[in-house]
N, C-alpha and C. Protein backbone atom coordinates (compact mmCIF):
# COMPACT_ATOMS: atom_id res chain seq x y z
N MET A 1 7.02 3.79 -6.17
CA MET A 1 8.38 4.02 -6.68
C MET A 1 9.12 2.76 -6.86
N MET A 2 8.81 1.77 -6.00
CA MET A 2 9.42 0.46 -6.22
C MET A 2 9.09 -0.25 -7.63
N LEU A 3 7.79 -0.11 -7.83
CA LEU A 3 7.37 -0.71 -9.01
C LEU A 3 8.01 -0.14 -10.27
N THR A 4 8.35 1.17 -10.22
CA THR A 4 8.82 1.92 -11.46
C THR A 4 10.27 1.53 -11.59
N ARG A 5 11.09 1.36 -10.44
CA ARG A 5 12.47 1.15 -10.57
C ARG A 5 12.96 -0.32 -10.72
N TRP A 6 12.01 -1.20 -10.19
CA TRP A 6 12.42 -2.69 -10.23
C TRP A 6 11.74 -3.28 -11.44
N ARG A 7 12.50 -4.16 -12.03
CA ARG A 7 11.96 -4.95 -13.16
C ARG A 7 11.58 -6.38 -12.47
N LEU A 8 10.32 -6.43 -12.32
CA LEU A 8 9.87 -7.75 -11.58
C LEU A 8 9.82 -8.97 -12.46
N GLN A 9 9.92 -8.85 -13.75
CA GLN A 9 9.86 -10.09 -14.69
C GLN A 9 8.83 -10.90 -14.22
N MET A 10 7.50 -10.47 -14.10
CA MET A 10 6.43 -11.32 -13.76
C MET A 10 5.81 -11.99 -14.97
N SER A 11 6.26 -11.43 -16.24
CA SER A 11 5.73 -12.08 -17.38
C SER A 11 6.37 -13.52 -17.55
N GLY A 12 7.42 -13.84 -16.90
CA GLY A 12 7.90 -15.11 -16.98
C GLY A 12 7.17 -16.21 -16.05
N LEU A 13 6.34 -15.75 -15.30
CA LEU A 13 5.64 -16.66 -14.26
C LEU A 13 4.56 -17.48 -15.01
N PRO A 14 4.37 -18.68 -14.53
CA PRO A 14 3.19 -19.36 -15.10
C PRO A 14 1.91 -18.63 -14.63
N PRO A 15 0.80 -18.80 -15.46
CA PRO A 15 -0.52 -18.04 -15.09
C PRO A 15 -1.00 -18.31 -13.76
N TYR A 16 -0.80 -19.59 -13.36
CA TYR A 16 -1.40 -19.88 -11.87
C TYR A 16 -0.52 -19.25 -10.85
N ASP A 17 0.62 -18.65 -11.08
CA ASP A 17 1.44 -18.03 -9.98
C ASP A 17 1.17 -16.53 -9.98
N LEU A 18 0.60 -15.95 -10.97
CA LEU A 18 0.40 -14.48 -11.06
C LEU A 18 -0.55 -13.96 -9.92
N PRO A 19 -1.66 -14.63 -9.53
CA PRO A 19 -2.36 -14.18 -8.34
C PRO A 19 -1.70 -14.23 -7.08
N ARG A 20 -0.83 -15.28 -6.92
CA ARG A 20 -0.06 -15.37 -5.73
C ARG A 20 1.02 -14.26 -5.69
N ALA A 21 1.66 -14.08 -6.85
CA ALA A 21 2.68 -13.03 -6.86
C ALA A 21 2.10 -11.55 -6.49
N PHE A 22 0.92 -11.32 -7.04
CA PHE A 22 0.27 -10.05 -6.88
C PHE A 22 -0.13 -10.00 -5.39
N ARG A 23 -0.68 -10.99 -4.77
CA ARG A 23 -0.93 -10.90 -3.28
C ARG A 23 0.27 -10.80 -2.47
N LEU A 24 1.26 -11.33 -2.93
CA LEU A 24 2.68 -11.12 -2.15
C LEU A 24 3.10 -9.73 -2.21
N LEU A 25 3.01 -9.16 -3.48
CA LEU A 25 3.39 -7.80 -3.70
C LEU A 25 2.56 -6.85 -2.78
N ILE A 26 1.30 -7.01 -2.76
CA ILE A 26 0.43 -6.21 -1.89
C ILE A 26 0.81 -6.34 -0.49
N ALA A 27 1.06 -7.60 0.04
CA ALA A 27 1.42 -7.83 1.38
C ALA A 27 2.69 -7.17 1.76
N LEU A 28 3.69 -7.13 0.91
CA LEU A 28 4.97 -6.45 1.12
C LEU A 28 4.71 -4.98 1.12
N LEU A 29 3.93 -4.37 0.31
CA LEU A 29 3.62 -2.92 0.36
C LEU A 29 2.98 -2.53 1.59
N ALA A 30 2.01 -3.41 2.18
CA ALA A 30 1.30 -3.08 3.35
C ALA A 30 2.29 -3.06 4.48
N ILE A 31 3.26 -4.06 4.60
CA ILE A 31 4.32 -4.08 5.62
C ILE A 31 5.08 -2.80 5.58
N ALA A 32 5.51 -2.39 4.43
CA ALA A 32 6.24 -1.21 4.23
C ALA A 32 5.53 0.00 4.73
N ASP A 33 4.14 0.17 4.36
CA ASP A 33 3.36 1.25 4.71
C ASP A 33 3.08 1.25 6.15
N THR A 34 3.05 0.23 6.94
CA THR A 34 2.86 0.16 8.38
C THR A 34 4.09 0.59 8.96
N ARG A 35 5.33 0.05 8.64
CA ARG A 35 6.59 0.46 9.17
C ARG A 35 6.87 2.04 8.91
N ARG A 36 6.49 2.49 7.77
CA ARG A 36 6.56 4.03 7.55
C ARG A 36 5.65 4.73 8.45
N ARG A 37 4.53 4.37 8.57
CA ARG A 37 3.54 5.09 9.54
C ARG A 37 4.18 5.07 10.94
N GLU A 38 4.60 3.95 11.36
CA GLU A 38 5.12 3.87 12.79
C GLU A 38 6.28 4.82 12.97
N ARG A 39 7.23 4.83 11.92
CA ARG A 39 8.49 5.62 12.05
C ARG A 39 8.29 7.06 11.88
N TYR A 40 7.50 7.43 10.79
CA TYR A 40 7.39 8.83 10.39
C TYR A 40 6.15 9.60 10.79
N CYS A 41 5.12 8.82 11.00
CA CYS A 41 3.70 9.43 11.21
C CYS A 41 3.19 9.08 12.51
N ALA A 42 4.06 8.69 13.50
CA ALA A 42 3.48 8.19 14.76
C ALA A 42 2.90 9.27 15.56
N GLY A 43 3.35 10.52 15.45
CA GLY A 43 2.79 11.54 16.31
C GLY A 43 1.69 12.25 15.56
N GLY A 44 1.16 11.64 14.43
CA GLY A 44 0.15 12.37 13.67
C GLY A 44 0.82 13.02 12.42
N CYS A 45 0.09 13.12 11.33
CA CYS A 45 0.64 13.72 10.14
C CYS A 45 -0.58 14.27 9.31
N GLY A 46 -0.25 14.90 8.18
CA GLY A 46 -1.25 15.46 7.35
C GLY A 46 -1.40 14.78 6.11
N HIS A 47 -0.88 13.60 5.97
CA HIS A 47 -1.15 12.84 4.77
C HIS A 47 -2.54 12.32 4.69
N GLU A 48 -3.19 12.80 3.55
CA GLU A 48 -4.62 12.43 3.43
C GLU A 48 -4.89 10.97 3.31
N TRP A 49 -3.95 10.20 2.74
CA TRP A 49 -4.17 8.70 2.71
C TRP A 49 -4.17 8.09 4.12
N HIS A 50 -3.58 8.80 5.07
CA HIS A 50 -3.47 8.03 6.40
C HIS A 50 -4.73 8.58 7.15
N GLN A 51 -5.60 9.39 6.59
CA GLN A 51 -6.82 9.93 7.34
C GLN A 51 -8.01 9.37 6.79
N LEU A 52 -7.92 8.43 5.79
CA LEU A 52 -9.16 7.76 5.06
C LEU A 52 -10.05 7.08 6.12
N ALA A 53 -9.62 6.34 6.96
CA ALA A 53 -10.40 5.65 7.86
C ALA A 53 -11.12 6.56 8.80
N ARG A 54 -10.47 7.60 9.24
CA ARG A 54 -11.12 8.57 10.10
C ARG A 54 -12.16 9.35 9.45
N ARG A 55 -11.96 9.73 8.22
CA ARG A 55 -13.00 10.42 7.49
C ARG A 55 -14.20 9.55 7.23
N THR A 56 -14.04 8.19 6.94
CA THR A 56 -15.06 7.28 6.73
C THR A 56 -15.86 7.15 7.97
N ASP A 57 -15.24 7.08 9.17
CA ASP A 57 -15.86 6.86 10.46
C ASP A 57 -16.76 8.11 10.75
N GLU A 58 -16.24 9.31 10.35
CA GLU A 58 -17.01 10.44 10.69
C GLU A 58 -18.11 10.76 9.77
N GLY A 59 -18.28 10.00 8.67
CA GLY A 59 -19.27 10.15 7.77
C GLY A 59 -18.96 10.91 6.53
N THR A 60 -17.81 11.57 6.63
CA THR A 60 -17.22 12.49 5.47
C THR A 60 -16.71 11.45 4.37
N PRO A 61 -17.20 11.71 3.20
CA PRO A 61 -16.62 10.76 2.17
C PRO A 61 -15.18 11.18 1.87
N PRO A 62 -14.29 10.19 1.51
CA PRO A 62 -12.89 10.47 1.27
C PRO A 62 -12.78 11.41 0.01
N ALA A 63 -11.78 12.18 -0.03
CA ALA A 63 -11.61 13.09 -1.19
C ALA A 63 -11.19 12.19 -2.41
N THR A 64 -11.74 12.60 -3.59
CA THR A 64 -11.37 11.90 -4.73
C THR A 64 -10.54 12.66 -5.69
């Protein structure tokens, strides 16, 4: 949702900054996901994307 609402203006960055900007964006999304899991999904949840690691550990391939 953040990517669709915000205009990031990444086209104005020099080419050597694009990989760093992308890594920063991914790091920010990881932090946001971790906080969301701690706040809303601490007691367990039914979100399939939060169960991917468990499915892989059990030998069940993730749903596609």
